[in-house]
C-alpha cells in the first residue's frame, strides 16, 4: 500500500489525540501473593500521569511534535493534576471536557512484579467520553489522528468506526493502539474500525487475541497500511507493502516499564509524521521507549530535560539514519 506523505504546514498541529486521561498510582516492592486481612508494605510509590493516550501525548509533545488532546476528566484534584502535566508539556487542552455529573477522574493502581504486573483501574470519566463531546472540525485540523485504548472508551466505542472514517475523509492519516480489553472479547475493532486505520500498534499478545486466527500478524498486516508489533525487550517489527522490518531494542537496565509501549508509539509517530523511513521510525520508537524505562512512571524520564538530552546524545546517532531527522 502506498504511504501518505505529510507536508510541512507552519502552525498546523501534527497530531490530534483522543483517549483516556487518568493518573497512575504505582506501588513498588510488593510480593506476588497478597494475603487477605494483612497490611502489606510497599517499598516506594509514584503518583504520576497515567493512561496510554496521555503518556503518548505528553512524550510526543516533548519530542517536539505539536499535539492537541481531547479527553474527559472530573472536577477533582486528580483531573487537574493530569491536565497540568499535559499543559506543561505544551499540549493544547482546549477541548478537554469536564464531567458535570460528579463522576471522578479515573485512576489506575499498578503493582509491578519481577517480570509482569497487576493493573487495577477505576475508569471514572474515561468511560463517559462520547462522540458528542468531540469537536470534529478541531480534530481534523491536524495532520494525523490517533486514539488509544478503545476498549476503555465505553460510550465512544460504538461510534469509533464513524470517527475514524470521518477523519480519513477529511484527509488525515490515522492510527490506533488497542491496549488490553478488560472484557477479553476483543470484538468490534477488526471488522468495523481497522478499514479506516492506516497505522496500527499492538503487542504480540494483543494481536493474537484480536485476530483470533493463526498467523495473526500476517493476517492483520493485510488489513492496514502499516502494522507495528511491539515485542518488549526484543524490540519491534513493522509490516508494510509485504515487507517485515525488525528492529532490536536498546540494552538497558529497566527501572520501570510502565508506559514504555506508549512511549515507543510516541517515538515512532514523531518520525513517521516527518516522512521518515520505517527503519528510522522503529529505531526512534525503541529509543524513546528505552528512555522511558530509565525512570519510574511513563513520563518522568521525559520531564527531566537534562536526562533526556544526555540519553539522546548517547544513544541516537542521526547520521546513521536520515541526517535531517533530529530528536
C-alpha atoms as a PDB file:
ATOM      1  CA  UNK A   1       0.000   0.000   0.000  1.00  0.00           C
ATOM      2  CA  UNK A   2       1.266   3.455  -0.836  1.00  0.00           C
ATOM      3  CA  UNK A   3       2.119   5.545   2.172  1.00  0.00           C
ATOM      4  CA  UNK A   4       0.627   9.031   2.505  1.00  0.00           C
ATOM      5  CA  UNK A   5       3.274  11.721   2.940  1.00  0.00           C
ATOM      6  CA  UNK A   6       2.767  14.722   5.191  1.00  0.00           C
ATOM      7  CA  UNK A   7       3.595  18.229   4.040  1.00  0.00           C
ATOM      8  CA  UNK A   8       5.051  20.883   6.303  1.00  0.00           C
ATOM      9  CA  UNK A   9       2.411  23.439   7.357  1.00  0.00           C
ATOM     10  CA  UNK A  10       3.520  26.013   9.961  1.00  0.00           C
ATOM     11  CA  UNK A  11       1.085  26.304  12.845  1.00  0.00           C
ATOM     12  CA  UNK A  12      -0.863  23.180  11.941  1.00  0.00           C
ATOM     13  CA  UNK A  13      -0.989  20.554  14.713  1.00  0.00           C
ATOM     14  CA  UNK A  14       0.872  17.379  13.890  1.00  0.00           C
ATOM     15  CA  UNK A  15      -1.452  15.196  15.958  1.00  0.00           C
ATOM     16  CA  UNK A  16      -4.998  15.170  17.292  1.00  0.00           C
ATOM     17  CA  UNK A  17      -5.200  12.569  20.051  1.00  0.00           C
ATOM     18  CA  UNK A  18      -8.423  11.344  21.635  1.00  0.00           C
ATOM     19  CA  UNK A  19      -8.424   8.988  24.568  1.00  0.00           C
ATOM     20  CA  UNK A  20      -8.461   8.338  28.274  1.00  0.00           C
ATOM     21  CA  UNK A  21      -6.908  10.590  30.903  1.00  0.00           C
ATOM     22  CA  UNK A  22      -6.172   9.390  34.413  1.00  0.00           C
ATOM     23  CA  UNK A  23      -3.408   9.189  36.985  1.00  0.00           C
ATOM     24  CA  UNK A  24      -1.270   6.162  37.808  1.00  0.00           C
ATOM     25  CA  UNK A  25      -0.571   5.142  41.411  1.00  0.00           C
ATOM     26  CA  UNK A  26       2.364   2.727  41.240  1.00  0.00           C
ATOM     27  CA  UNK A  27       3.332   0.730  44.345  1.00  0.00           C
ATOM     28  CA  UNK A  28       6.774  -0.874  44.224  1.00  0.00           C
ATOM     29  CA  UNK A  29       8.263  -3.790  46.134  1.00  0.00           C
ATOM     30  CA  UNK A  30       5.113  -5.796  46.835  1.00  0.00           C
ATOM     31  CA  UNK A  31       5.092  -9.615  46.927  1.00  0.00           C
ATOM     32  CA  UNK A  32       3.463 -11.601  44.137  1.00  0.00           C
ATOM     33  CA  UNK A  33       0.926 -13.122  46.533  1.00  0.00           C
ATOM     34  CA  UNK A  34      -1.113 -10.644  48.570  1.00  0.00           C
ATOM     35  CA  UNK A  35      -2.703 -12.269  51.642  1.00  0.00           C
ATOM     36  CA  UNK A  36      -6.087 -11.055  52.826  1.00  0.00           C
ATOM     37  CA  UNK A  37      -6.572  -9.099  56.049  1.00  0.00           C
ATOM     38  CA  UNK A  38      -2.874  -8.235  56.240  1.00  0.00           C
ATOM     39  CA  UNK A  39      -1.194  -4.864  55.925  1.00  0.00           C
ATOM     40  CA  UNK A  40       1.440  -5.268  53.213  1.00  0.00           C
ATOM     41  CA  UNK A  41       4.116  -2.601  52.982  1.00  0.00           C
ATOM     42  CA  UNK A  42       5.388  -1.235  49.677  1.00  0.00           C
ATOM     43  CA  UNK A  43       8.991  -0.098  49.325  1.00  0.00           C
ATOM     44  CA  UNK A  44       8.123   3.015  47.281  1.00  0.00           C
ATOM     45  CA  UNK A  45       5.364   4.612  45.244  1.00  0.00           C
ATOM     46  CA  UNK A  46       4.774   7.087  42.425  1.00  0.00           C
ATOM     47  CA  UNK A  47       1.657   9.141  41.706  1.00  0.00           C
ATOM     48  CA  UNK A  48       2.051  10.328  38.153  1.00  0.00           C
ATOM     49  CA  UNK A  49       0.354  10.972  34.834  1.00  0.00           C
ATOM     50  CA  UNK A  50      -1.197   7.752  33.561  1.00  0.00           C
ATOM     51  CA  UNK A  51      -3.214   6.336  30.661  1.00  0.00           C
ATOM     52  CA  UNK A  52      -1.916   5.197  27.311  1.00  0.00           C
ATOM     53  CA  UNK A  53      -3.276   8.210  25.436  1.00  0.00           C
ATOM     54  CA  UNK A  54      -1.923  10.818  27.834  1.00  0.00           C
ATOM     55  CA  UNK A  55       1.547   9.255  28.176  1.00  0.00           C
ATOM     56  CA  UNK A  56       1.778   9.110  24.389  1.00  0.00           C
ATOM     57  CA  UNK A  57       0.638  12.724  24.005  1.00  0.00           C
ATOM     58  CA  UNK A  58       2.923  14.046  26.761  1.00  0.00           C
ATOM     59  CA  UNK A  59       6.094  12.392  25.479  1.00  0.00           C
ATOM     60  CA  UNK A  60       5.271  13.103  21.840  1.00  0.00           C
ATOM     61  CA  UNK A  61       4.981  16.811  22.649  1.00  0.00           C
ATOM     62  CA  UNK A  62       8.317  16.823  24.499  1.00  0.00           C
ATOM     63  CA  UNK A  63       9.939  15.230  21.453  1.00  0.00           C
ATOM     64  CA  UNK A  64       8.912  18.346  19.536  1.00  0.00           C
ATOM     65  CA  UNK A  65       5.631  17.432  17.851  1.00  0.00           C
ATOM     66  CA  UNK A  66       2.637  19.773  18.031  1.00  0.00           C
ATOM     67  CA  UNK A  67      -0.164  17.915  19.825  1.00  0.00           C
ATOM     68  CA  UNK A  68      -3.812  18.513  20.719  1.00  0.00           C
ATOM     69  CA  UNK A  69      -5.510  16.247  23.251  1.00  0.00           C
ATOM     70  CA  UNK A  70      -9.203  15.568  23.871  1.00  0.00           C
ATOM     71  CA  UNK A  71     -10.490  13.614  26.874  1.00  0.00           C
ATOM     72  CA  UNK A  72     -12.960  13.880  29.752  1.00  0.00           C
ATOM     73  CA  UNK A  73     -11.972  14.484  33.376  1.00  0.00           C
ATOM     74  CA  UNK A  74     -13.812  15.055  36.627  1.00  0.00           C
ATOM     75  CA  UNK A  75     -13.848  18.262  38.616  1.00  0.00           C
ATOM     76  CA  UNK A  76     -11.347  16.862  41.107  1.00  0.00           C
ATOM     77  CA  UNK A  77      -7.702  17.299  42.043  1.00  0.00           C
ATOM     78  CA  UNK A  78      -6.522  14.281  40.048  1.00  0.00           C
ATOM     79  CA  UNK A  79      -8.125  15.612  36.877  1.00  0.00           C
ATOM     80  CA  UNK A  80      -6.453  18.968  37.390  1.00  0.00           C
ATOM     81  CA  UNK A  81      -3.087  17.303  38.104  1.00  0.00           C
ATOM     82  CA  UNK A  82      -3.267  15.329  34.864  1.00  0.00           C
ATOM     83  CA  UNK A  83      -4.221  18.396  32.837  1.00  0.00           C
ATOM     84  CA  UNK A  84      -1.454  20.460  34.419  1.00  0.00           C
ATOM     85  CA  UNK A  85       1.177  17.880  33.470  1.00  0.00           C
ATOM     86  CA  UNK A  86      -0.066  17.781  29.880  1.00  0.00           C
ATOM     87  CA  UNK A  87      -0.288  21.562  29.716  1.00  0.00           C
ATOM     88  CA  UNK A  88       3.284  21.882  30.964  1.00  0.00           C
ATOM     89  CA  UNK A  89       4.468  19.758  28.046  1.00  0.00           C
ATOM     90  CA  UNK A  90       2.955  22.231  25.572  1.00  0.00           C
ATOM     91  CA  UNK A  91      -0.203  20.342  24.590  1.00  0.00           C
ATOM     92  CA  UNK A  92      -3.382  22.130  23.506  1.00  0.00           C
ATOM     93  CA  UNK A  93      -6.065  21.061  26.008  1.00  0.00           C
ATOM     94  CA  UNK A  94      -8.747  23.484  24.843  1.00  0.00           C
ATOM     95  CA  UNK A  95     -11.140  20.625  24.010  1.00  0.00           C
ATOM     96  CA  UNK A  96     -10.778  18.635  27.227  1.00  0.00           C
ATOM     97  CA  UNK A  97     -14.276  18.139  28.655  1.00  0.00           C
ATOM     98  CA  UNK A  98     -15.116  18.249  32.358  1.00  0.00           C
ATOM     99  CA  UNK A  99     -17.835  15.992  33.716  1.00  0.00           C
ATOM    100  CA  UNK A 100     -20.782  17.756  35.346  1.00  0.00           C
ATOM    101  CA  UNK A 101     -22.448  14.714  36.922  1.00  0.00           C
ATOM    102  CA  UNK A 102     -19.980  14.160  39.761  1.00  0.00           C
ATOM    103  CA  UNK A 103     -18.060  11.261  38.205  1.00  0.00           C
ATOM    104  CA  UNK A 104     -14.422  11.339  39.263  1.00  0.00           C
ATOM    105  CA  UNK A 105     -11.336  11.212  37.089  1.00  0.00           C
ATOM    106  CA  UNK A 106     -10.167   7.636  36.623  1.00  0.00           C
ATOM    107  CA  UNK A 107      -7.168   6.166  38.379  1.00  0.00           C
ATOM    108  CA  UNK A 108      -5.046   3.064  37.800  1.00  0.00           C
ATOM    109  CA  UNK A 109      -3.269   1.159  40.558  1.00  0.00           C
ATOM    110  CA  UNK A 110      -0.201  -0.637  39.198  1.00  0.00           C
ATOM    111  CA  UNK A 111       1.655  -3.316  41.170  1.00  0.00           C
ATOM    112  CA  UNK A 112       4.925  -4.104  39.358  1.00  0.00           C
ATOM    113  CA  UNK A 113       6.240  -7.647  39.836  1.00  0.00           C
ATOM    114  CA  UNK A 114       9.555  -9.091  38.678  1.00  0.00           C
ATOM    115  CA  UNK A 115       8.586  -9.737  35.056  1.00  0.00           C
ATOM    116  CA  UNK A 116       4.871  -8.847  34.986  1.00  0.00           C
ATOM    117  CA  UNK A 117       2.493  -6.512  36.795  1.00  0.00           C
ATOM    118  CA  UNK A 118      -1.036  -6.288  38.151  1.00  0.00           C
ATOM    119  CA  UNK A 119      -3.193  -3.440  36.860  1.00  0.00           C
ATOM    120  CA  UNK A 120      -6.379  -2.294  38.621  1.00  0.00           C
ATOM    121  CA  UNK A 121      -8.376   0.559  37.068  1.00  0.00           C
ATOM    122  CA  UNK A 122     -11.322   2.694  38.121  1.00  0.00           C
ATOM    123  CA  UNK A 123     -12.479   4.064  34.724  1.00  0.00           C
ATOM    124  CA  UNK A 124     -14.338   7.112  36.011  1.00  0.00           C
ATOM    125  CA  UNK A 125     -14.804   9.784  33.373  1.00  0.00           C
ATOM    126  CA  UNK A 126     -12.774   7.945  30.711  1.00  0.00           C
ATOM    127  CA  UNK A 127     -15.840   5.730  30.147  1.00  0.00           C
ATOM    128  CA  UNK A 128     -18.116   8.753  29.690  1.00  0.00           C
ATOM    129  CA  UNK A 129     -16.444  10.477  26.729  1.00  0.00           C
ATOM    130  CA  UNK A 130     -18.816  10.284  23.760  1.00  0.00           C
ATOM    131  CA  UNK A 131     -18.715  11.399  20.154  1.00  0.00           C
ATOM    132  CA  UNK A 132     -20.931  14.345  21.104  1.00  0.00           C
ATOM    133  CA  UNK A 133     -18.063  15.633  23.289  1.00  0.00           C
ATOM    134  CA  UNK A 134     -15.711  15.844  20.297  1.00  0.00           C
ATOM    135  CA  UNK A 135     -15.151  18.881  18.079  1.00  0.00           C
ATOM    136  CA  UNK A 136     -14.648  17.159  14.725  1.00  0.00           C
ATOM    137  CA  UNK A 137     -13.552  20.361  12.987  1.00  0.00           C
ATOM    138  CA  UNK A 138     -10.898  20.877  15.631  1.00  0.00           C
ATOM    139  CA  UNK A 139      -9.703  17.276  15.438  1.00  0.00           C
ATOM    140  CA  UNK A 140      -9.468  17.391  11.652  1.00  0.00           C
ATOM    141  CA  UNK A 141      -7.259  20.495  11.705  1.00  0.00           C
ATOM    142  CA  UNK A 142      -4.249  18.238  12.427  1.00  0.00           C
ATOM    143  CA  UNK A 143      -2.233  16.087  10.040  1.00  0.00           C
ATOM    144  CA  UNK A 144      -2.803  12.840  11.905  1.00  0.00           C
ATOM    145  CA  UNK A 145      -5.456  11.399  14.217  1.00  0.00           C
ATOM    146  CA  UNK A 146      -4.673   8.859  16.964  1.00  0.00           C
ATOM    147  CA  UNK A 147      -6.739   7.021  19.545  1.00  0.00           C
ATOM    148  CA  UNK A 148      -5.543   4.649  22.279  1.00  0.00           C
ATOM    149  CA  UNK A 149      -7.360   2.136  24.478  1.00  0.00           C
ATOM    150  CA  UNK A 150     -10.624   1.864  22.512  1.00  0.00           C
ATOM    151  CA  UNK A 151     -11.951  -0.840  24.847  1.00  0.00           C
ATOM    152  CA  UNK A 152     -11.887   1.651  27.740  1.00  0.00           C
ATOM    153  CA  UNK A 153     -13.904   4.175  25.702  1.00  0.00           C
ATOM    154  CA  UNK A 154     -17.237   2.621  26.585  1.00  0.00           C
ATOM    155  CA  UNK A 155     -19.508   5.441  25.409  1.00  0.00           C
ATOM    156  CA  UNK A 156     -17.375   6.306  22.382  1.00  0.00           C
ATOM    157  CA  UNK A 157     -16.769   2.706  21.280  1.00  0.00           C
ATOM    158  CA  UNK A 158     -19.964   2.248  19.190  1.00  0.00           C
ATOM    159  CA  UNK A 159     -19.044   5.347  17.160  1.00  0.00           C
ATOM    160  CA  UNK A 160     -15.339   4.623  16.615  1.00  0.00           C
ATOM    161  CA  UNK A 161     -15.839   3.499  13.026  1.00  0.00           C
ATOM    162  CA  UNK A 162     -17.719   6.722  12.278  1.00  0.00           C
ATOM    163  CA  UNK A 163     -14.996   8.821  13.921  1.00  0.00           C
ATOM    164  CA  UNK A 164     -12.110   7.160  12.086  1.00  0.00           C
ATOM    165  CA  UNK A 165     -13.971   7.214   8.768  1.00  0.00           C
ATOM    166  CA  UNK A 166     -14.657  10.928   9.210  1.00  0.00           C
ATOM    167  CA  UNK A 167     -11.013  11.702   9.947  1.00  0.00           C
ATOM    168  CA  UNK A 168      -9.940   9.757   6.858  1.00  0.00           C
ATOM    169  CA  UNK A 169     -12.481  11.548   4.676  1.00  0.00           C
ATOM    170  CA  UNK A 170     -11.159  14.889   5.922  1.00  0.00           C
ATOM    171  CA  UNK A 171      -7.666  13.972   4.753  1.00  0.00           C
ATOM    172  CA  UNK A 172      -5.923  12.890   7.958  1.00  0.00           C
ATOM    173  CA  UNK A 173      -3.876   9.760   8.366  1.00  0.00           C
ATOM    174  CA  UNK A 174      -4.936   7.662  11.344  1.00  0.00           C
ATOM    175  CA  UNK A 175      -3.544   5.311  13.961  1.00  0.00           C
ATOM    176  CA  UNK A 176      -4.719   3.229  16.908  1.00  0.00           C
ATOM    177  CA  UNK A 177      -3.262   1.231  19.794  1.00  0.00           C
ATOM    178  CA  UNK A 178      -5.735  -1.229  21.285  1.00  0.00           C
ATOM    179  CA  UNK A 179      -4.092  -1.948  24.636  1.00  0.00           C
ATOM    180  CA  UNK A 180      -5.983  -4.523  26.692  1.00  0.00           C
ATOM    181  CA  UNK A 181      -9.673  -5.393  26.533  1.00  0.00           C
ATOM    182  CA  UNK A 182     -10.887  -5.822  30.145  1.00  0.00           C
ATOM    183  CA  UNK A 183     -13.817  -7.920  28.890  1.00  0.00           C
ATOM    184  CA  UNK A 184     -11.394 -10.163  26.932  1.00  0.00           C
ATOM    185  CA  UNK A 185     -13.850 -10.313  23.997  1.00  0.00           C
ATOM    186  CA  UNK A 186     -11.756  -8.314  21.501  1.00  0.00           C
ATOM    187  CA  UNK A 187     -14.700  -7.561  19.252  1.00  0.00           C
ATOM    188  CA  UNK A 188     -15.713  -4.606  17.083  1.00  0.00           C
ATOM    189  CA  UNK A 189     -12.268  -3.339  16.058  1.00  0.00           C
ATOM    190  CA  UNK A 190     -11.169  -5.789  13.381  1.00  0.00           C
ATOM    191  CA  UNK A 191     -14.313  -5.605  11.272  1.00  0.00           C
ATOM    192  CA  UNK A 192     -15.544  -2.057  11.861  1.00  0.00           C
ATOM    193  CA  UNK A 193     -12.611   0.218  12.645  1.00  0.00           C
ATOM    194  CA  UNK A 194      -9.462  -1.233  11.053  1.00  0.00           C
ATOM    195  CA  UNK A 195     -10.643  -0.445   7.493  1.00  0.00           C
ATOM    196  CA  UNK A 196     -10.179   3.235   8.410  1.00  0.00           C
ATOM    197  CA  UNK A 197      -6.839   2.854  10.266  1.00  0.00           C
ATOM    198  CA  UNK A 198      -3.516   3.474   8.474  1.00  0.00           C
ATOM    199  CA  UNK A 199      -1.089   2.669  11.278  1.00  0.00           C
ATOM    200  CA  UNK A 200      -1.923   0.014  13.853  1.00  0.00           C
ATOM    201  CA  UNK A 201       0.080  -0.620  17.056  1.00  0.00           C
ATOM    202  CA  UNK A 202      -0.218  -3.877  19.011  1.00  0.00           C
ATOM    203  CA  UNK A 203       1.787  -6.138  21.269  1.00  0.00           C
ATOM    204  CA  UNK A 204       2.374  -9.759  20.304  1.00  0.00           C
ATOM    205  CA  UNK A 205      -0.182 -10.910  22.872  1.00  0.00           C
ATOM    206  CA  UNK A 206      -2.837  -8.375  21.871  1.00  0.00           C
ATOM    207  CA  UNK A 207      -2.687  -9.128  18.156  1.00  0.00           C
ATOM    208  CA  UNK A 208      -3.267 -12.850  18.716  1.00  0.00           C
ATOM    209  CA  UNK A 209      -6.365 -12.092  20.812  1.00  0.00           C
ATOM    210  CA  UNK A 210      -7.632  -9.602  18.250  1.00  0.00           C
ATOM    211  CA  UNK A 211      -7.105 -11.728  15.135  1.00  0.00           C
ATOM    212  CA  UNK A 212      -8.375 -15.000  16.660  1.00  0.00           C
ATOM    213  CA  UNK A 213      -6.601 -16.914  13.914  1.00  0.00           C
ATOM    214  CA  UNK A 214      -3.263 -18.482  13.057  1.00  0.00           C
ATOM    215  CA  UNK A 215      -0.591 -16.236  11.546  1.00  0.00           C
ATOM    216  CA  UNK A 216      -2.197 -13.297  13.348  1.00  0.00           C
ATOM    217  CA  UNK A 217       0.474 -10.759  12.427  1.00  0.00           C
ATOM    218  CA  UNK A 218       0.334 -11.509   8.711  1.00  0.00           C
ATOM    219  CA  UNK A 219      -3.478 -11.527   8.852  1.00  0.00           C
ATOM    220  CA  UNK A 220      -3.698  -8.059  10.420  1.00  0.00           C
ATOM    221  CA  UNK A 221      -0.846  -6.722   8.250  1.00  0.00           C
ATOM    222  CA  UNK A 222      -3.004  -7.374   5.205  1.00  0.00           C
ATOM    223  CA  UNK A 223      -5.710  -5.072   6.580  1.00  0.00           C
ATOM    224  CA  UNK A 224      -3.745  -1.875   7.348  1.00  0.00           C
ATOM    225  CA  UNK A 225      -1.087   0.180   5.581  1.00  0.00           C
ATOM    226  CA  UNK A 226       1.393  -0.268   8.432  1.00  0.00           C
ATOM    227  CA  UNK A 227       1.269  -2.752  11.304  1.00  0.00           C
ATOM    228  CA  UNK A 228       3.683  -2.236  14.193  1.00  0.00           C
ATOM    229  CA  UNK A 229       4.151  -5.119  16.622  1.00  0.00           C
ATOM    230  CA  UNK A 230       5.826  -4.293  19.938  1.00  0.00           C
ATOM    231  CA  UNK A 231       7.939  -7.130  21.361  1.00  0.00           C
ATOM    232  CA  UNK A 232       9.189  -5.620  24.630  1.00  0.00           C
ATOM    233  CA  UNK A 233      12.852  -6.307  25.318  1.00  0.00           C
ATOM    234  CA  UNK A 234      13.176  -7.892  21.850  1.00  0.00           C
ATOM    235  CA  UNK A 235      12.340  -4.641  20.071  1.00  0.00           C
ATOM    236  CA  UNK A 236       9.620  -4.156  17.473  1.00  0.00           C
ATOM    237  CA  UNK A 237       8.591  -5.043  13.929  1.00  0.00           C
ATOM    238  CA  UNK A 238       6.803  -3.167  11.154  1.00  0.00           C
ATOM    239  CA  UNK A 239       4.846  -4.750   8.314  1.00  0.00           C
ATOM    240  CA  UNK A 240       4.185  -2.729   5.161  1.00  0.00           C
ATOM    241  CA  UNK A 241       3.910  -3.459   1.428  1.00  0.00           C
ATOM    242  CA  UNK A 242       4.626  -7.130   2.008  1.00  0.00           C
ATOM    243  CA  UNK A 243       7.819  -6.427   3.968  1.00  0.00           C
ATOM    244  CA  UNK A 244       8.631  -7.176   7.591  1.00  0.00           C
ATOM    245  CA  UNK A 245      11.249  -4.974   9.253  1.00  0.00           C
ATOM    246  CA  UNK A 246      12.666  -5.996  12.662  1.00  0.00           C
ATOM    247  CA  UNK A 247      14.486  -3.590  14.962  1.00  0.00           C
ATOM    248  CA  UNK A 248      16.146  -4.717  18.231  1.00  0.00           C
ATOM    249  CA  UNK A 249      15.612  -2.814  21.457  1.00  0.00           C
ATOM    250  CA  UNK A 250      18.353  -0.982  23.307  1.00  0.00           C
ATOM    251  CA  UNK A 251      20.079  -2.972  26.031  1.00  0.00           C
ATOM    252  CA  UNK A 252      19.313  -1.016  29.192  1.00  0.00           C
ATOM    253  CA  UNK A 253      18.742  -1.541  32.895  1.00  0.00           C
ATOM    254  CA  UNK A 254      14.980  -1.240  33.377  1.00  0.00           C
ATOM    255  CA  UNK A 255      13.861   0.890  36.313  1.00  0.00           C
ATOM    256  CA  UNK A 256      10.158   0.806  35.393  1.00  0.00           C
ATOM    257  CA  UNK A 257       8.465  -0.442  32.208  1.00  0.00           C
ATOM    258  CA  UNK A 258       5.177   1.398  32.837  1.00  0.00           C
ATOM    259  CA  UNK A 259       4.331   3.442  29.731  1.00  0.00           C
ATOM    260  CA  UNK A 260       7.230   2.103  27.657  1.00  0.00           C
ATOM    261  CA  UNK A 261       4.948   0.833  24.903  1.00  0.00           C
ATOM    262  CA  UNK A 262       3.055   4.114  24.719  1.00  0.00           C
ATOM    263  CA  UNK A 263       6.343   5.992  24.592  1.00  0.00           C
ATOM    264  CA  UNK A 264       7.545   3.712  21.798  1.00  0.00           C
ATOM    265  CA  UNK A 265       4.439   4.867  19.898  1.00  0.00           C
ATOM    266  CA  UNK A 266       5.416   8.478  20.551  1.00  0.00           C
ATOM    267  CA  UNK A 267       8.902   7.999  19.141  1.00  0.00           C
ATOM    268  CA  UNK A 268       7.619   6.104  16.113  1.00  0.00           C
ATOM    269  CA  UNK A 269       4.921   8.670  15.327  1.00  0.00           C
ATOM    270  CA  UNK A 270       7.273  11.617  15.831  1.00  0.00           C
ATOM    271  CA  UNK A 271       9.413  10.351  12.966  1.00  0.00           C
ATOM    272  CA  UNK A 272       6.570   8.901  10.893  1.00  0.00           C
ATOM    273  CA  UNK A 273       4.775  12.255  10.618  1.00  0.00           C
ATOM    274  CA  UNK A 274       8.058  13.653   9.243  1.00  0.00           C
ATOM    275  CA  UNK A 275       8.031  11.037   6.458  1.00  0.00           C
ATOM    276  CA  UNK A 276      10.983   9.085   7.879  1.00  0.00           C
ATOM    277  CA  UNK A 277      11.635   5.544   6.633  1.00  0.00           C
ATOM    278  CA  UNK A 278      10.065   2.798   8.712  1.00  0.00           C
ATOM    279  CA  UNK A 279      13.512   1.678   9.840  1.00  0.00           C
ATOM    280  CA  UNK A 280      14.073   5.118  11.373  1.00  0.00           C
ATOM    281  CA  UNK A 281      10.608   5.152  12.921  1.00  0.00           C
ATOM    282  CA  UNK A 282      11.239   1.799  14.588  1.00  0.00           C
ATOM    283  CA  UNK A 283      14.694   2.798  15.817  1.00  0.00           C
ATOM    284  CA  UNK A 284      13.401   6.073  17.237  1.00  0.00           C
ATOM    285  CA  UNK A 285      10.449   4.291  18.842  1.00  0.00           C
ATOM    286  CA  UNK A 286      12.858   1.911  20.568  1.00  0.00           C
ATOM    287  CA  UNK A 287      14.965   4.892  21.620  1.00  0.00           C
ATOM    288  CA  UNK A 288      12.002   6.723  23.150  1.00  0.00           C
ATOM    289  CA  UNK A 289      10.767   3.570  24.871  1.00  0.00           C
ATOM    290  CA  UNK A 290      14.283   2.974  26.174  1.00  0.00           C
ATOM    291  CA  UNK A 291      14.416   6.446  27.693  1.00  0.00           C
ATOM    292  CA  UNK A 292      11.049   5.835  29.356  1.00  0.00           C
ATOM    293  CA  UNK A 293      12.225   2.798  31.336  1.00  0.00           C
ATOM    294  CA  UNK A 294      15.091   4.711  32.985  1.00  0.00           C
ATOM    295  CA  UNK A 295      12.754   6.490  35.441  1.00  0.00           C
ATOM    296  CA  UNK A 296       9.660   5.457  37.433  1.00  0.00           C
ATOM    297  CA  UNK A 297       6.349   6.037  35.645  1.00  0.00           C
ATOM    298  CA  UNK A 298       5.708   6.655  31.978  1.00  0.00           C
ATOM    299  CA  UNK A 299       6.643  10.354  31.754  1.00  0.00           C
ATOM    300  CA  UNK A 300       9.245  11.144  34.414  1.00  0.00           C
ATOM    301  CA  UNK A 301      12.264  10.394  32.199  1.00  0.00           C
ATOM    302  CA  UNK A 302      10.921  12.852  29.621  1.00  0.00           C
ATOM    303  CA  UNK A 303      10.224  15.532  32.221  1.00  0.00           C
ATOM    304  CA  UNK A 304      13.930  15.575  33.159  1.00  0.00           C
ATOM    305  CA  UNK A 305      15.201  17.603  30.206  1.00  0.00           C
ATOM    306  CA  UNK A 306      18.878  17.193  31.100  1.00  0.00           C
ATOM    307  CA  UNK A 307      18.488  13.428  31.401  1.00  0.00           C
ATOM    308  CA  UNK A 308      16.532  13.316  28.145  1.00  0.00           C
ATOM    309  CA  UNK A 309      19.193  15.308  26.282  1.00  0.00           C
ATOM    310  CA  UNK A 310      22.030  13.184  27.659  1.00  0.00           C
ATOM    311  CA  UNK A 311      20.230   9.953  26.763  1.00  0.00           C
ATOM    312  CA  UNK A 312      19.620  11.023  23.172  1.00  0.00           C
ATOM    313  CA  UNK A 313      23.201  12.190  22.782  1.00  0.00           C
ATOM    314  CA  UNK A 314      24.402   8.802  23.969  1.00  0.00           C
ATOM    315  CA  UNK A 315      22.083   6.529  22.018  1.00  0.00           C
ATOM    316  CA  UNK A 316      20.773   8.419  18.976  1.00  0.00           C
ATOM    317  CA  UNK A 317      23.077   8.960  16.029  1.00  0.00           C
ATOM    318  CA  UNK A 318      21.117  10.755  13.323  1.00  0.00           C
ATOM    319  CA  UNK A 319      23.967  10.494  10.836  1.00  0.00           C
ATOM    320  CA  UNK A 320      23.338   6.760  10.859  1.00  0.00           C
ATOM    321  CA  UNK A 321      19.696   7.448   9.982  1.00  0.00           C
ATOM    322  CA  UNK A 322      18.496  10.399   7.925  1.00  0.00           C
ATOM    323  CA  UNK A 323      20.645  13.431   8.720  1.00  0.00           C
ATOM    324  CA  UNK A 324      17.692  15.807   8.697  1.00  0.00           C
ATOM    325  CA  UNK A 325      15.797  13.929  11.443  1.00  0.00           C
ATOM    326  CA  UNK A 326      16.717  15.190  14.885  1.00  0.00           C
ATOM    327  CA  UNK A 327      15.215  14.215  18.260  1.00  0.00           C
END
